[in-house]
Protein backbone atom coordinates (compact mmCIF):
# COMPACT_ATOMS: atom_id res chain seq x y z
CA UNK A 1 -0.06 -0.02 0.43
CA UNK A 2 1.33 3.39 -0.97
CA UNK A 3 0.89 6.43 1.57
CA UNK A 4 2.15 9.49 1.47
CA UNK A 5 3.44 11.75 4.21
CA UNK A 6 5.56 14.62 5.55
CA UNK A 7 8.12 12.74 7.56
CA UNK A 8 8.67 14.06 11.63
CA UNK A 9 11.63 12.73 12.60
CA UNK A 10 13.87 8.77 12.72
CA UNK A 11 14.12 7.01 15.95
CA UNK A 12 17.21 5.46 16.03
CA UNK A 13 17.27 2.13 17.68
CA UNK A 14 18.64 1.80 21.23
CA UNK A 15 20.80 -1.33 21.06
CA UNK A 16 21.67 -4.32 18.28
CA UNK A 17 18.41 -5.44 18.89
CA UNK A 18 15.73 -2.96 18.16
CA UNK A 19 15.42 -0.89 14.58
CA UNK A 20 15.31 2.93 13.57
CA UNK A 21 11.57 3.68 13.15
CA UNK A 22 10.55 6.61 11.23
CA UNK A 23 7.69 9.09 11.81
CA UNK A 24 5.23 10.89 9.61
CA UNK A 25 2.47 13.27 9.79
CA UNK A 26 -0.12 14.15 7.16
CA UNK A 27 -0.70 11.48 5.99
CA UNK A 28 -3.09 10.11 2.98
CA UNK A 29 -3.78 6.44 1.62
CA UNK A 30 -6.06 4.82 -0.23
CA UNK A 31 -8.52 6.94 -1.81
CA UNK A 32 -6.97 10.04 -0.23
CA UNK A 33 -8.16 8.91 2.97
CA UNK A 34 -6.77 10.94 5.53
CA UNK A 35 -4.86 8.24 7.81
CA UNK A 36 -3.36 8.96 11.19
CA UNK A 37 0.26 9.38 11.86
CA UNK A 38 2.33 6.56 10.55
CA UNK A 39 5.70 4.71 11.94
CA UNK A 40 7.41 3.27 10.00
CA UNK A 41 10.58 0.29 10.95
CA UNK A 42 13.05 1.12 8.08
CA UNK A 43 14.07 -2.48 7.65
CA UNK A 44 11.00 -3.65 6.71
CA UNK A 45 9.01 -0.14 4.77
CA UNK A 46 11.27 1.92 1.46
CA UNK A 47 10.18 5.23 1.91
CA UNK A 48 10.93 7.85 -0.86
CA UNK A 49 11.57 11.75 -0.79
CA UNK A 50 8.99 13.47 -3.17
CA UNK A 51 11.13 14.76 -6.91
CA UNK A 52 14.28 12.29 -5.31
CA UNK A 53 14.35 11.35 -8.94
CA UNK A 54 13.41 14.89 -10.56
CA UNK A 55 16.26 16.26 -8.34
CA UNK A 56 19.26 13.30 -8.47
CA UNK A 57 18.68 13.65 -12.94
CA UNK A 58 18.41 17.88 -12.43
CA UNK A 59 21.76 17.99 -10.24
CA UNK A 60 23.37 15.39 -12.55
CA UNK A 61 22.89 17.69 -15.77
CA UNK A 62 23.33 20.95 -14.12
CA UNK A 63 26.95 19.37 -12.96
CA UNK A 64 27.38 18.32 -16.02
CA UNK A 65 26.98 21.69 -17.66
CA UNK A 66 29.10 23.85 -15.30
CA UNK A 67 31.63 22.24 -14.35
CA UNK A 68 30.67 21.60 -11.32
CA UNK A 69 30.61 18.35 -9.69
CA UNK A 70 28.92 19.43 -6.39
CA UNK A 71 26.19 21.49 -8.09
CA UNK A 72 23.45 20.97 -5.76
CA UNK A 73 19.81 22.79 -6.90
CA UNK A 74 17.09 23.85 -4.61
CA UNK A 75 14.80 22.64 -6.41
């Protein structure tokens, strides 16, 4: 299932027997319905920054055009 939300914080593992939990707020789920805030276990879920592919591609192209290897676009 796909959700869309705003990253809130990471709760890092307190020992090697725990996993990092990531919290999101303002979550929208199936059918564009609001969901309660969610916490995801990092080892079982994949989550992505919005527009990460577009940002990476823009940075790559602008880096090539400007010759600046560490170019970062502010999108």
